[in-house]
Amino acid sequence: MTQNSDALIANLVGNLQPVKPISFARGLGYALSAAAISALAVVAAFGIRPDVLAGRFDPVYLIATGLFLVLGIAAAVTVIVMSRPQVGTDHSGWVWAAAMVALLPVAALIVSFGGGSDILSRESIAHGLECLMVGSGASLLVFAILVGWLRKGAPTAPDRAGLLTGIAAGSLGIFAFSLHCADNDIVHIGMWHSGVVLLMAGLGRALVPPLVRW
């Protein structure tokens, strides 16, 4: 019996190869590097806001852009942690950042209903669509990096991992494009900049789970 057990164990492990543990620091470094590359690409392609270049920051712009950056980093950290499942790991840290960012579209609705902005003008819609499209495009590198990282690991909740991948990518992508977008209107930011996060979250939820199931 002992010889049979030894033979069975030898057959089971005979073709196994040692695997290097995935590093949290390396995953976060890849995600932040991808975000930095996206920001540099936006600046190189479209230019940087004159007030940012001069060191002058509008309060609405500063708060909104900072919130997107915090949400992007928090969601990316959660995705990287989810690639290494451990008993008792808390994955809810990003929720508080998401709650703060959710105030932006709420504020946009309040201001728009009060007649504080013309959101249906042709110029407003055209500019909004530009932010939506370019911001989403600036999200793709972070999106690809996080998906690749999840495929190296073993996420136990692929649906949530996909959703957070999209949130992280969209938040960091619109942060990158905010370095160029000169609009400080809370309605524009709340609708179109937040729209990038929602769009990428939907794409992540739909596309990522089949790619990371194991």
N, C-alpha and C. Protein backbone atom coordinates (compact mmCIF):
# COMPACT_ATOMS: atom_id res chain seq x y z
N MET A 1 0.83 -1.20 0.00
CA MET A 1 0.00 0.00 0.00
C MET A 1 0.86 1.25 0.00
N THR A 2 1.94 1.24 0.80
CA THR A 2 2.82 2.39 0.86
C THR A 2 3.49 2.65 -0.47
N GLN A 3 3.92 1.55 -1.14
CA GLN A 3 4.56 1.71 -2.44
C GLN A 3 3.58 2.27 -3.47
N ASN A 4 2.32 1.79 -3.41
CA ASN A 4 1.31 2.31 -4.35
C ASN A 4 1.05 3.80 -4.11
N SER A 5 1.01 4.20 -2.83
CA SER A 5 0.79 5.62 -2.51
C SER A 5 1.96 6.46 -2.98
N ASP A 6 3.17 5.96 -2.77
CA ASP A 6 4.35 6.70 -3.21
C ASP A 6 4.36 6.85 -4.73
N ALA A 7 3.97 5.79 -5.43
CA ALA A 7 3.93 5.84 -6.89
C ALA A 7 2.88 6.83 -7.38
N LEU A 8 1.72 6.83 -6.69
CA LEU A 8 0.65 7.76 -7.06
C LEU A 8 1.09 9.20 -6.87
N ILE A 9 1.72 9.48 -5.73
CA ILE A 9 2.19 10.84 -5.46
C ILE A 9 3.26 11.24 -6.47
N ALA A 10 4.14 10.33 -6.79
CA ALA A 10 5.19 10.62 -7.77
C ALA A 10 4.60 10.93 -9.14
N ASN A 11 3.55 10.21 -9.52
CA ASN A 11 2.90 10.47 -10.82
C ASN A 11 2.20 11.83 -10.83
N LEU A 12 1.61 12.19 -9.68
CA LEU A 12 0.87 13.45 -9.61
C LEU A 12 1.80 14.66 -9.68
N VAL A 13 2.97 14.55 -9.08
CA VAL A 13 3.86 15.71 -9.00
C VAL A 13 5.01 15.63 -9.99
N GLY A 14 5.05 14.58 -10.76
CA GLY A 14 6.22 14.38 -11.63
C GLY A 14 6.41 15.46 -12.67
N ASN A 15 5.31 16.00 -13.20
CA ASN A 15 5.42 17.00 -14.26
C ASN A 15 5.26 18.44 -13.77
N LEU A 16 5.17 18.59 -12.45
CA LEU A 16 5.00 19.94 -11.92
C LEU A 16 6.32 20.70 -11.96
N GLN A 17 6.18 22.01 -12.20
CA GLN A 17 7.34 22.89 -12.22
C GLN A 17 7.15 23.97 -11.15
N PRO A 18 8.23 24.38 -10.50
CA PRO A 18 8.09 25.44 -9.50
C PRO A 18 7.61 26.74 -10.13
N VAL A 19 6.74 27.44 -9.44
CA VAL A 19 6.17 28.69 -9.93
C VAL A 19 6.59 29.81 -8.99
N LYS A 20 7.09 30.89 -9.57
CA LYS A 20 7.49 32.03 -8.76
C LYS A 20 6.26 32.76 -8.26
N PRO A 21 6.14 33.00 -6.95
CA PRO A 21 4.96 33.72 -6.43
C PRO A 21 4.85 35.10 -7.05
N ILE A 22 3.61 35.50 -7.35
CA ILE A 22 3.41 36.84 -7.91
C ILE A 22 3.55 37.87 -6.80
N SER A 23 4.17 38.97 -7.12
CA SER A 23 4.50 40.00 -6.13
C SER A 23 3.49 41.14 -6.21
N PHE A 24 2.94 41.51 -5.06
CA PHE A 24 2.02 42.64 -5.01
C PHE A 24 2.71 43.92 -5.47
N ALA A 25 3.93 44.15 -5.00
CA ALA A 25 4.65 45.37 -5.36
C ALA A 25 4.89 45.44 -6.86
N ARG A 26 5.21 44.31 -7.47
CA ARG A 26 5.44 44.31 -8.91
C ARG A 26 4.16 44.59 -9.67
N GLY A 27 3.05 43.98 -9.24
CA GLY A 27 1.78 44.22 -9.90
C GLY A 27 1.36 45.67 -9.81
N LEU A 28 1.50 46.26 -8.62
CA LEU A 28 1.15 47.67 -8.47
C LEU A 28 2.08 48.55 -9.28
N GLY A 29 3.35 48.18 -9.33
CA GLY A 29 4.29 48.95 -10.15
C GLY A 29 3.93 48.93 -11.61
N TYR A 30 3.51 47.77 -12.12
CA TYR A 30 3.09 47.68 -13.52
C TYR A 30 1.86 48.55 -13.78
N ALA A 31 0.89 48.50 -12.86
CA ALA A 31 -0.34 49.27 -13.05
C ALA A 31 -0.06 50.78 -13.02
N LEU A 32 0.75 51.22 -12.07
CA LEU A 32 1.07 52.65 -11.98
C LEU A 32 1.94 53.10 -13.15
N SER A 33 2.81 52.24 -13.60
CA SER A 33 3.63 52.58 -14.78
C SER A 33 2.76 52.73 -16.01
N ALA A 34 1.78 51.82 -16.16
CA ALA A 34 0.86 51.93 -17.29
C ALA A 34 0.06 53.22 -17.22
N ALA A 35 -0.37 53.60 -16.01
CA ALA A 35 -1.11 54.86 -15.85
C ALA A 35 -0.23 56.05 -16.20
N ALA A 36 1.03 56.01 -15.79
CA ALA A 36 1.95 57.11 -16.10
C ALA A 36 2.21 57.21 -17.60
N ILE A 37 2.37 56.07 -18.26
CA ILE A 37 2.57 56.07 -19.71
C ILE A 37 1.35 56.64 -20.43
N SER A 38 0.17 56.27 -19.96
CA SER A 38 -1.06 56.80 -20.56
C SER A 38 -1.15 58.31 -20.39
N ALA A 39 -0.78 58.80 -19.21
CA ALA A 39 -0.82 60.24 -18.97
C ALA A 39 0.18 60.97 -19.86
N LEU A 40 1.37 60.41 -19.99
CA LEU A 40 2.39 61.03 -20.86
C LEU A 40 1.94 61.01 -22.31
N ALA A 41 1.28 59.93 -22.73
CA ALA A 41 0.79 59.84 -24.11
C ALA A 41 -0.28 60.90 -24.38
N VAL A 42 -1.18 61.11 -23.40
CA VAL A 42 -2.21 62.15 -23.56
C VAL A 42 -1.57 63.52 -23.68
N VAL A 43 -0.61 63.81 -22.80
CA VAL A 43 0.06 65.11 -22.84
C VAL A 43 0.81 65.30 -24.15
N ALA A 44 1.47 64.24 -24.62
CA ALA A 44 2.23 64.33 -25.86
C ALA A 44 1.31 64.53 -27.07
N ALA A 45 0.14 63.89 -27.03
CA ALA A 45 -0.76 63.95 -28.18
C ALA A 45 -1.64 65.19 -28.19
N PHE A 46 -2.07 65.63 -27.02
CA PHE A 46 -3.06 66.71 -26.95
C PHE A 46 -2.56 67.96 -26.23
N GLY A 47 -1.48 67.84 -25.48
CA GLY A 47 -0.98 68.98 -24.71
C GLY A 47 -1.54 68.98 -23.30
N ILE A 48 -0.95 69.78 -22.45
CA ILE A 48 -1.36 69.87 -21.06
C ILE A 48 -2.13 71.17 -20.82
N ARG A 49 -3.04 71.16 -19.88
CA ARG A 49 -3.81 72.36 -19.56
C ARG A 49 -2.88 73.52 -19.22
N PRO A 50 -3.14 74.71 -19.75
CA PRO A 50 -2.26 75.85 -19.46
C PRO A 50 -2.18 76.19 -17.98
N ASP A 51 -3.31 76.09 -17.26
CA ASP A 51 -3.28 76.44 -15.84
C ASP A 51 -2.49 75.43 -15.02
N VAL A 52 -2.58 74.15 -15.40
CA VAL A 52 -1.78 73.13 -14.72
C VAL A 52 -0.30 73.36 -15.00
N LEU A 53 0.01 73.71 -16.25
CA LEU A 53 1.39 73.97 -16.62
C LEU A 53 1.95 75.16 -15.84
N ALA A 54 1.08 76.12 -15.54
CA ALA A 54 1.51 77.30 -14.79
C ALA A 54 1.42 77.12 -13.28
N GLY A 55 0.93 75.95 -12.84
CA GLY A 55 0.84 75.69 -11.41
C GLY A 55 -0.39 76.28 -10.75
N ARG A 56 -1.41 76.64 -11.55
CA ARG A 56 -2.66 77.17 -11.01
C ARG A 56 -3.74 76.10 -11.16
N PHE A 57 -4.47 75.81 -10.09
CA PHE A 57 -5.43 74.71 -10.11
C PHE A 57 -6.80 75.21 -9.69
N ASP A 58 -7.79 74.98 -10.55
CA ASP A 58 -9.17 75.27 -10.18
C ASP A 58 -9.61 74.27 -9.11
N PRO A 59 -10.31 74.72 -8.06
CA PRO A 59 -10.69 73.81 -6.97
C PRO A 59 -11.54 72.63 -7.43
N VAL A 60 -12.53 72.87 -8.31
CA VAL A 60 -13.38 71.77 -8.79
C VAL A 60 -12.54 70.77 -9.56
N TYR A 61 -11.69 71.26 -10.43
CA TYR A 61 -10.82 70.37 -11.21
C TYR A 61 -9.91 69.57 -10.29
N LEU A 62 -9.33 70.22 -9.31
CA LEU A 62 -8.37 69.56 -8.43
C LEU A 62 -9.05 68.46 -7.62
N ILE A 63 -10.23 68.75 -7.08
CA ILE A 63 -10.93 67.76 -6.27
C ILE A 63 -11.38 66.58 -7.13
N ALA A 64 -12.00 66.87 -8.28
CA ALA A 64 -12.52 65.80 -9.13
C ALA A 64 -11.40 64.92 -9.65
N THR A 65 -10.34 65.53 -10.14
CA THR A 65 -9.24 64.75 -10.69
C THR A 65 -8.56 63.93 -9.60
N GLY A 66 -8.43 64.52 -8.40
CA GLY A 66 -7.86 63.78 -7.29
C GLY A 66 -8.71 62.58 -6.90
N LEU A 67 -10.03 62.74 -6.93
CA LEU A 67 -10.92 61.63 -6.61
C LEU A 67 -10.78 60.49 -7.61
N PHE A 68 -10.69 60.82 -8.90
CA PHE A 68 -10.51 59.78 -9.91
C PHE A 68 -9.18 59.06 -9.70
N LEU A 69 -8.15 59.79 -9.35
CA LEU A 69 -6.84 59.17 -9.12
C LEU A 69 -6.90 58.23 -7.92
N VAL A 70 -7.52 58.67 -6.84
CA VAL A 70 -7.62 57.84 -5.64
C VAL A 70 -8.44 56.58 -5.93
N LEU A 71 -9.56 56.72 -6.63
CA LEU A 71 -10.38 55.56 -6.97
C LEU A 71 -9.61 54.61 -7.87
N GLY A 72 -8.88 55.15 -8.85
CA GLY A 72 -8.12 54.29 -9.75
C GLY A 72 -7.08 53.47 -9.01
N ILE A 73 -6.35 54.11 -8.11
CA ILE A 73 -5.32 53.40 -7.36
C ILE A 73 -5.95 52.38 -6.41
N ALA A 74 -7.03 52.78 -5.72
CA ALA A 74 -7.69 51.86 -4.78
C ALA A 74 -8.24 50.63 -5.49
N ALA A 75 -8.87 50.84 -6.65
CA ALA A 75 -9.41 49.70 -7.39
C ALA A 75 -8.30 48.83 -7.95
N ALA A 76 -7.22 49.44 -8.43
CA ALA A 76 -6.10 48.66 -8.95
C ALA A 76 -5.46 47.81 -7.85
N VAL A 77 -5.30 48.40 -6.67
CA VAL A 77 -4.76 47.65 -5.53
C VAL A 77 -5.65 46.45 -5.21
N THR A 78 -6.96 46.65 -5.23
CA THR A 78 -7.89 45.56 -4.95
C THR A 78 -7.79 44.46 -5.99
N VAL A 79 -7.68 44.84 -7.26
CA VAL A 79 -7.54 43.84 -8.33
C VAL A 79 -6.27 43.01 -8.12
N ILE A 80 -5.19 43.67 -7.80
CA ILE A 80 -3.92 42.96 -7.60
C ILE A 80 -4.01 42.02 -6.40
N VAL A 81 -4.66 42.48 -5.32
CA VAL A 81 -4.84 41.62 -4.15
C VAL A 81 -5.72 40.43 -4.50
N MET A 82 -6.75 40.64 -5.32
CA MET A 82 -7.66 39.56 -5.70
C MET A 82 -6.97 38.49 -6.53
N SER A 83 -5.87 38.82 -7.16
CA SER A 83 -5.14 37.82 -7.95
C SER A 83 -4.43 36.81 -7.06
N ARG A 84 -4.30 37.14 -5.75
CA ARG A 84 -3.66 36.24 -4.80
C ARG A 84 -4.65 35.97 -3.66
N PRO A 85 -5.63 35.10 -3.88
CA PRO A 85 -6.67 34.91 -2.87
C PRO A 85 -6.09 34.37 -1.56
N GLN A 86 -6.54 34.96 -0.45
CA GLN A 86 -6.15 34.53 0.88
C GLN A 86 -7.37 34.58 1.78
N VAL A 87 -7.41 33.68 2.73
CA VAL A 87 -8.54 33.64 3.67
C VAL A 87 -8.54 34.91 4.52
N GLY A 88 -9.71 35.55 4.59
CA GLY A 88 -9.85 36.73 5.43
C GLY A 88 -9.44 38.03 4.79
N THR A 89 -9.06 38.02 3.50
CA THR A 89 -8.64 39.26 2.84
C THR A 89 -9.84 40.17 2.61
N ASP A 90 -9.70 41.44 2.95
CA ASP A 90 -10.77 42.42 2.79
C ASP A 90 -10.61 43.12 1.44
N HIS A 91 -11.66 43.06 0.62
CA HIS A 91 -11.63 43.67 -0.71
C HIS A 91 -12.55 44.88 -0.81
N SER A 92 -12.87 45.51 0.29
CA SER A 92 -13.87 46.58 0.28
C SER A 92 -13.27 47.97 0.35
N GLY A 93 -11.95 48.09 0.36
CA GLY A 93 -11.34 49.41 0.51
C GLY A 93 -11.70 50.38 -0.58
N TRP A 94 -11.92 49.88 -1.79
CA TRP A 94 -12.23 50.75 -2.92
C TRP A 94 -13.63 51.37 -2.82
N VAL A 95 -14.50 50.78 -2.00
CA VAL A 95 -15.89 51.22 -1.95
C VAL A 95 -15.98 52.67 -1.48
N TRP A 96 -15.15 53.05 -0.51
CA TRP A 96 -15.21 54.42 0.00
C TRP A 96 -14.79 55.43 -1.06
N ALA A 97 -13.77 55.08 -1.82
CA ALA A 97 -13.35 55.97 -2.91
C ALA A 97 -14.44 56.08 -3.97
N ALA A 98 -15.10 54.95 -4.27
CA ALA A 98 -16.18 54.96 -5.25
C ALA A 98 -17.35 55.81 -4.76
N ALA A 99 -17.63 55.76 -3.46
CA ALA A 99 -18.72 56.56 -2.90
C ALA A 99 -18.42 58.05 -3.05
N MET A 100 -17.18 58.43 -2.86
CA MET A 100 -16.81 59.85 -3.01
C MET A 100 -16.92 60.28 -4.47
N VAL A 101 -16.47 59.44 -5.39
CA VAL A 101 -16.56 59.77 -6.81
C VAL A 101 -18.01 59.84 -7.25
N ALA A 102 -18.87 59.03 -6.65
CA ALA A 102 -20.29 59.04 -7.01
C ALA A 102 -20.95 60.38 -6.71
N LEU A 103 -20.34 61.18 -5.85
CA LEU A 103 -20.89 62.50 -5.57
C LEU A 103 -20.78 63.42 -6.79
N LEU A 104 -19.84 63.14 -7.69
CA LEU A 104 -19.66 64.01 -8.86
C LEU A 104 -20.87 63.98 -9.79
N PRO A 105 -21.35 62.80 -10.22
CA PRO A 105 -22.56 62.82 -11.06
C PRO A 105 -23.79 63.32 -10.31
N VAL A 106 -23.85 63.09 -8.99
CA VAL A 106 -24.98 63.61 -8.21
C VAL A 106 -24.96 65.13 -8.24
N ALA A 107 -23.78 65.72 -8.01
CA ALA A 107 -23.66 67.17 -8.07
C ALA A 107 -23.99 67.69 -9.47
N ALA A 108 -23.56 66.95 -10.50
CA ALA A 108 -23.85 67.35 -11.87
C ALA A 108 -25.36 67.41 -12.12
N LEU A 109 -26.08 66.42 -11.63
CA LEU A 109 -27.53 66.41 -11.80
C LEU A 109 -28.19 67.57 -11.08
N ILE A 110 -27.75 67.85 -9.87
CA ILE A 110 -28.34 68.95 -9.11
C ILE A 110 -28.13 70.28 -9.82
N VAL A 111 -26.90 70.50 -10.29
CA VAL A 111 -26.59 71.76 -10.97
C VAL A 111 -27.34 71.87 -12.29
N SER A 112 -27.39 70.76 -13.04
CA SER A 112 -28.07 70.81 -14.35
C SER A 112 -29.56 71.05 -14.19
N PHE A 113 -30.18 70.42 -13.20
CA PHE A 113 -31.61 70.65 -12.97
C PHE A 113 -31.88 72.08 -12.52
N GLY A 114 -30.90 72.70 -11.89
CA GLY A 114 -31.05 74.08 -11.47
C GLY A 114 -30.77 75.08 -12.57
N GLY A 115 -30.47 74.57 -13.78
CA GLY A 115 -30.21 75.46 -14.90
C GLY A 115 -28.84 76.07 -14.89
N GLY A 116 -27.90 75.44 -14.16
CA GLY A 116 -26.57 76.02 -14.05
C GLY A 116 -25.65 75.69 -15.19
N SER A 117 -26.11 74.85 -16.13
CA SER A 117 -25.25 74.48 -17.26
C SER A 117 -26.11 74.00 -18.42
N ASP A 118 -25.68 74.30 -19.63
CA ASP A 118 -26.40 73.86 -20.82
C ASP A 118 -25.77 72.56 -21.31
N ILE A 119 -26.29 71.44 -20.84
CA ILE A 119 -25.67 70.14 -21.15
C ILE A 119 -26.10 69.60 -22.51
N LEU A 120 -27.10 70.20 -23.13
CA LEU A 120 -27.61 69.68 -24.40
C LEU A 120 -27.16 70.49 -25.60
N SER A 121 -26.31 71.47 -25.40
CA SER A 121 -25.82 72.23 -26.54
C SER A 121 -24.90 71.36 -27.39
N ARG A 122 -24.79 71.70 -28.67
CA ARG A 122 -23.97 70.92 -29.58
C ARG A 122 -22.51 70.92 -29.14
N GLU A 123 -22.02 72.06 -28.69
CA GLU A 123 -20.63 72.15 -28.26
C GLU A 123 -20.39 71.30 -27.01
N SER A 124 -21.35 71.33 -26.08
CA SER A 124 -21.20 70.56 -24.85
C SER A 124 -21.17 69.06 -25.13
N ILE A 125 -22.05 68.61 -25.99
CA ILE A 125 -22.10 67.18 -26.31
C ILE A 125 -20.85 66.75 -27.08
N ALA A 126 -20.40 67.57 -28.03
CA ALA A 126 -19.21 67.23 -28.80
C ALA A 126 -17.98 67.12 -27.90
N HIS A 127 -17.85 68.08 -27.00
CA HIS A 127 -16.71 68.04 -26.08
C HIS A 127 -16.81 66.86 -25.13
N GLY A 128 -18.03 66.58 -24.69
CA GLY A 128 -18.24 65.45 -23.80
C GLY A 128 -17.88 64.13 -24.46
N LEU A 129 -18.29 63.96 -25.71
CA LEU A 129 -17.97 62.73 -26.42
C LEU A 129 -16.47 62.58 -26.65
N GLU A 130 -15.80 63.71 -26.86
CA GLU A 130 -14.34 63.65 -27.00
C GLU A 130 -13.70 63.13 -25.72
N CYS A 131 -14.14 63.65 -24.58
CA CYS A 131 -13.61 63.18 -23.30
C CYS A 131 -13.93 61.70 -23.09
N LEU A 132 -15.14 61.30 -23.45
CA LEU A 132 -15.55 59.92 -23.27
C LEU A 132 -14.70 58.97 -24.10
N MET A 133 -14.48 59.33 -25.37
CA MET A 133 -13.74 58.45 -26.26
C MET A 133 -12.25 58.42 -25.95
N VAL A 134 -11.66 59.59 -25.78
CA VAL A 134 -10.21 59.64 -25.53
C VAL A 134 -9.90 59.12 -24.13
N GLY A 135 -10.74 59.46 -23.15
CA GLY A 135 -10.54 58.94 -21.81
C GLY A 135 -10.62 57.42 -21.77
N SER A 136 -11.56 56.86 -22.52
CA SER A 136 -11.66 55.40 -22.59
C SER A 136 -10.45 54.80 -23.29
N GLY A 137 -9.99 55.46 -24.35
CA GLY A 137 -8.79 54.98 -25.02
C GLY A 137 -7.57 55.02 -24.12
N ALA A 138 -7.49 56.07 -23.28
CA ALA A 138 -6.36 56.17 -22.35
C ALA A 138 -6.43 55.15 -21.24
N SER A 139 -7.56 54.46 -21.13
CA SER A 139 -7.74 53.44 -20.09
C SER A 139 -7.24 52.07 -20.52
N LEU A 140 -7.03 51.88 -21.81
CA LEU A 140 -6.83 50.52 -22.33
C LEU A 140 -5.54 49.88 -21.87
N LEU A 141 -4.47 50.67 -21.72
CA LEU A 141 -3.20 50.08 -21.30
C LEU A 141 -3.29 49.55 -19.87
N VAL A 142 -3.86 50.34 -18.97
CA VAL A 142 -4.05 49.86 -17.59
C VAL A 142 -4.97 48.65 -17.58
N PHE A 143 -6.01 48.69 -18.38
CA PHE A 143 -6.95 47.57 -18.49
C PHE A 143 -6.21 46.29 -18.89
N ALA A 144 -5.37 46.38 -19.92
CA ALA A 144 -4.64 45.21 -20.40
C ALA A 144 -3.66 44.69 -19.35
N ILE A 145 -2.98 45.60 -18.67
CA ILE A 145 -2.02 45.19 -17.64
C ILE A 145 -2.72 44.45 -16.51
N LEU A 146 -3.84 44.96 -16.05
CA LEU A 146 -4.55 44.32 -14.94
C LEU A 146 -5.14 42.97 -15.35
N VAL A 147 -5.65 42.88 -16.57
CA VAL A 147 -6.16 41.59 -17.04
C VAL A 147 -5.02 40.57 -17.11
N GLY A 148 -3.88 40.99 -17.64
CA GLY A 148 -2.73 40.09 -17.69
C GLY A 148 -2.29 39.64 -16.31
N TRP A 149 -2.36 40.56 -15.35
CA TRP A 149 -1.96 40.21 -13.98
C TRP A 149 -2.95 39.22 -13.36
N LEU A 150 -4.24 39.42 -13.59
CA LEU A 150 -5.24 38.49 -13.08
C LEU A 150 -5.05 37.10 -13.67
N ARG A 151 -4.65 37.02 -14.93
CA ARG A 151 -4.45 35.73 -15.58
C ARG A 151 -3.25 34.99 -14.99
N LYS A 152 -2.32 35.72 -14.39
CA LYS A 152 -1.20 35.06 -13.72
C LYS A 152 -1.61 34.47 -12.37
N GLY A 153 -2.66 35.04 -11.79
CA GLY A 153 -3.09 34.62 -10.48
C GLY A 153 -4.28 33.69 -10.52
N ALA A 154 -5.06 33.72 -9.44
CA ALA A 154 -6.21 32.83 -9.33
C ALA A 154 -7.35 33.54 -8.61
N PRO A 155 -7.95 34.56 -9.25
CA PRO A 155 -9.05 35.28 -8.60
C PRO A 155 -10.25 34.37 -8.37
N THR A 156 -10.79 34.41 -7.17
CA THR A 156 -11.93 33.55 -6.84
C THR A 156 -13.27 34.21 -7.14
N ALA A 157 -13.25 35.48 -7.49
CA ALA A 157 -14.49 36.20 -7.84
C ALA A 157 -14.26 36.93 -9.16
N PRO A 158 -14.27 36.20 -10.29
CA PRO A 158 -13.94 36.82 -11.58
C PRO A 158 -14.86 37.97 -11.96
N ASP A 159 -16.14 37.88 -11.60
CA ASP A 159 -17.07 38.96 -11.95
C ASP A 159 -16.68 40.27 -11.26
N ARG A 160 -16.40 40.19 -9.97
CA ARG A 160 -16.00 41.39 -9.24
C ARG A 160 -14.63 41.87 -9.71
N ALA A 161 -13.74 40.94 -10.00
CA ALA A 161 -12.42 41.32 -10.49
C ALA A 161 -12.53 42.06 -11.82
N GLY A 162 -13.44 41.61 -12.69
CA GLY A 162 -13.64 42.28 -13.97
C GLY A 162 -14.21 43.68 -13.78
N LEU A 163 -15.19 43.81 -12.90
CA LEU A 163 -15.78 45.12 -12.62
C LEU A 163 -14.71 46.09 -12.10
N LEU A 164 -13.90 45.64 -11.15
CA LEU A 164 -12.89 46.51 -10.57
C LEU A 164 -11.76 46.81 -11.55
N THR A 165 -11.47 45.88 -12.44
CA THR A 165 -10.49 46.16 -13.48
C THR A 165 -10.95 47.33 -14.34
N GLY A 166 -12.23 47.30 -14.72
CA GLY A 166 -12.76 48.40 -15.51
C GLY A 166 -12.79 49.71 -14.76
N ILE A 167 -13.16 49.66 -13.47
CA ILE A 167 -13.19 50.88 -12.66
C ILE A 167 -11.80 51.47 -12.53
N ALA A 168 -10.81 50.62 -12.24
CA ALA A 168 -9.44 51.10 -12.11
C ALA A 168 -8.94 51.71 -13.41
N ALA A 169 -9.16 51.00 -14.51
CA ALA A 169 -8.68 51.49 -15.80
C ALA A 169 -9.39 52.78 -16.19
N GLY A 170 -10.71 52.83 -16.03
CA GLY A 170 -11.46 54.03 -16.40
C GLY A 170 -11.07 55.24 -15.56
N SER A 171 -10.87 55.04 -14.26
CA SER A 171 -10.51 56.14 -13.38
C SER A 171 -9.13 56.69 -13.72
N LEU A 172 -8.18 55.80 -13.95
CA LEU A 172 -6.83 56.26 -14.29
C LEU A 172 -6.78 56.82 -15.71
N GLY A 173 -7.64 56.31 -16.60
CA GLY A 173 -7.68 56.83 -17.95
C GLY A 173 -8.23 58.25 -18.00
N ILE A 174 -9.32 58.51 -17.27
CA ILE A 174 -9.87 59.86 -17.28
C ILE A 174 -8.99 60.81 -16.48
N PHE A 175 -8.27 60.29 -15.49
CA PHE A 175 -7.28 61.13 -14.82
C PHE A 175 -6.23 61.60 -15.82
N ALA A 176 -5.79 60.67 -16.66
CA ALA A 176 -4.79 61.03 -17.67
C ALA A 176 -5.33 62.10 -18.62
N PHE A 177 -6.56 61.92 -19.09
CA PHE A 177 -7.10 62.89 -20.04
C PHE A 177 -7.44 64.21 -19.36
N SER A 178 -7.69 64.19 -18.06
CA SER A 178 -7.96 65.43 -17.33
C SER A 178 -6.76 66.37 -17.32
N LEU A 179 -5.58 65.84 -17.58
CA LEU A 179 -4.40 66.70 -17.68
C LEU A 179 -4.50 67.61 -18.90
N HIS A 180 -5.34 67.21 -19.87
CA HIS A 180 -5.55 68.03 -21.07
C HIS A 180 -6.88 68.77 -21.03
N CYS A 181 -7.95 68.12 -20.61
CA CYS A 181 -9.28 68.71 -20.64
C CYS A 181 -9.32 69.96 -19.77
N ALA A 182 -9.66 71.09 -20.35
CA ALA A 182 -9.63 72.38 -19.64
C ALA A 182 -10.98 72.76 -19.04
N ASP A 183 -11.95 71.84 -19.05
CA ASP A 183 -13.29 72.15 -18.57
C ASP A 183 -13.36 71.95 -17.06
N ASN A 184 -13.75 73.00 -16.34
CA ASN A 184 -13.90 72.92 -14.89
C ASN A 184 -15.35 72.82 -14.45
N ASP A 185 -16.27 72.67 -15.41
CA ASP A 185 -17.70 72.63 -15.11
C ASP A 185 -18.04 71.31 -14.43
N ILE A 186 -18.66 71.36 -13.27
CA ILE A 186 -18.98 70.14 -12.52
C ILE A 186 -19.96 69.27 -13.29
N VAL A 187 -20.81 69.88 -14.12
CA VAL A 187 -21.75 69.08 -14.92
C VAL A 187 -21.00 68.27 -15.96
N HIS A 188 -20.07 68.90 -16.65
CA HIS A 188 -19.26 68.17 -17.63
C HIS A 188 -18.47 67.05 -16.95
N ILE A 189 -17.82 67.37 -15.85
CA ILE A 189 -17.00 66.36 -15.17
C ILE A 189 -17.86 65.24 -14.62
N GLY A 190 -18.98 65.61 -13.99
CA GLY A 190 -19.85 64.60 -13.40
C GLY A 190 -20.49 63.68 -14.41
N MET A 191 -20.81 64.21 -15.60
CA MET A 191 -21.45 63.39 -16.63
C MET A 191 -20.44 62.62 -17.46
N TRP A 192 -19.53 63.34 -18.11
CA TRP A 192 -18.69 62.73 -19.12
C TRP A 192 -17.44 62.07 -18.55
N HIS A 193 -16.81 62.71 -17.57
CA HIS A 193 -15.63 62.08 -16.98
C HIS A 193 -16.04 60.85 -16.16
N SER A 194 -17.12 60.98 -15.41
CA SER A 194 -17.62 59.80 -14.69
C SER A 194 -18.12 58.74 -15.66
N GLY A 195 -18.59 59.19 -16.82
CA GLY A 195 -19.06 58.24 -17.83
C GLY A 195 -17.98 57.31 -18.31
N VAL A 196 -16.73 57.79 -18.35
CA VAL A 196 -15.62 56.92 -18.74
C VAL A 196 -15.48 55.77 -17.74
N VAL A 197 -15.59 56.08 -16.46
CA VAL A 197 -15.47 55.05 -15.42
C VAL A 197 -16.61 54.04 -15.56
N LEU A 198 -17.82 54.52 -15.77
CA LEU A 198 -18.96 53.63 -15.91
C LEU A 198 -18.84 52.75 -17.15
N LEU A 199 -18.40 53.35 -18.25
CA LEU A 199 -18.24 52.59 -19.49
C LEU A 199 -17.20 51.48 -19.33
N MET A 200 -16.05 51.81 -18.77
CA MET A 200 -14.99 50.82 -18.60
C MET A 200 -15.38 49.77 -17.56
N ALA A 201 -16.14 50.18 -16.54
CA ALA A 201 -16.61 49.20 -15.56
C ALA A 201 -17.52 48.17 -16.22
N GLY A 202 -18.41 48.64 -17.11
CA GLY A 202 -19.27 47.72 -17.83
C GLY A 202 -18.50 46.79 -18.74
N LEU A 203 -17.50 47.33 -19.44
CA LEU A 203 -16.67 46.49 -20.31
C LEU A 203 -15.89 45.46 -19.50
N GLY A 204 -15.35 45.91 -18.37
CA GLY A 204 -14.61 44.98 -17.53
C GLY A 204 -15.48 43.85 -17.01
N ARG A 205 -16.68 44.21 -16.57
CA ARG A 205 -17.61 43.19 -16.05
C ARG A 205 -18.00 42.19 -17.14
N ALA A 206 -18.11 42.65 -18.38
CA ALA A 206 -18.55 41.77 -19.46
C ALA A 206 -17.40 40.95 -20.06
N LEU A 207 -16.22 41.56 -20.18
CA LEU A 207 -15.14 40.93 -20.94
C LEU A 207 -14.13 40.17 -20.10
N VAL A 208 -13.91 40.61 -18.88
CA VAL A 208 -12.80 40.04 -18.10
C VAL A 208 -13.10 38.65 -17.52
N PRO A 209 -14.27 38.40 -16.94
CA PRO A 209 -14.49 37.10 -16.28
C PRO A 209 -14.15 35.87 -17.14
N PRO A 210 -14.56 35.82 -18.42
CA PRO A 210 -14.18 34.62 -19.21
C PRO A 210 -12.67 34.48 -19.41
N LEU A 211 -11.95 35.58 -19.30
CA LEU A 211 -10.51 35.55 -19.54
C LEU A 211 -9.70 35.10 -18.32
N VAL A 212 -10.31 35.15 -17.14
CA VAL A 212 -9.55 34.85 -15.92
C VAL A 212 -10.11 33.66 -15.14
N ARG A 213 -11.08 32.96 -15.70
CA ARG A 213 -11.59 31.78 -15.00
C ARG A 213 -10.54 30.67 -15.03
N TRP A 214 -10.52 29.87 -13.97
CA TRP A 214 -9.52 28.82 -13.88
C TRP A 214 -10.14 27.56 -13.27
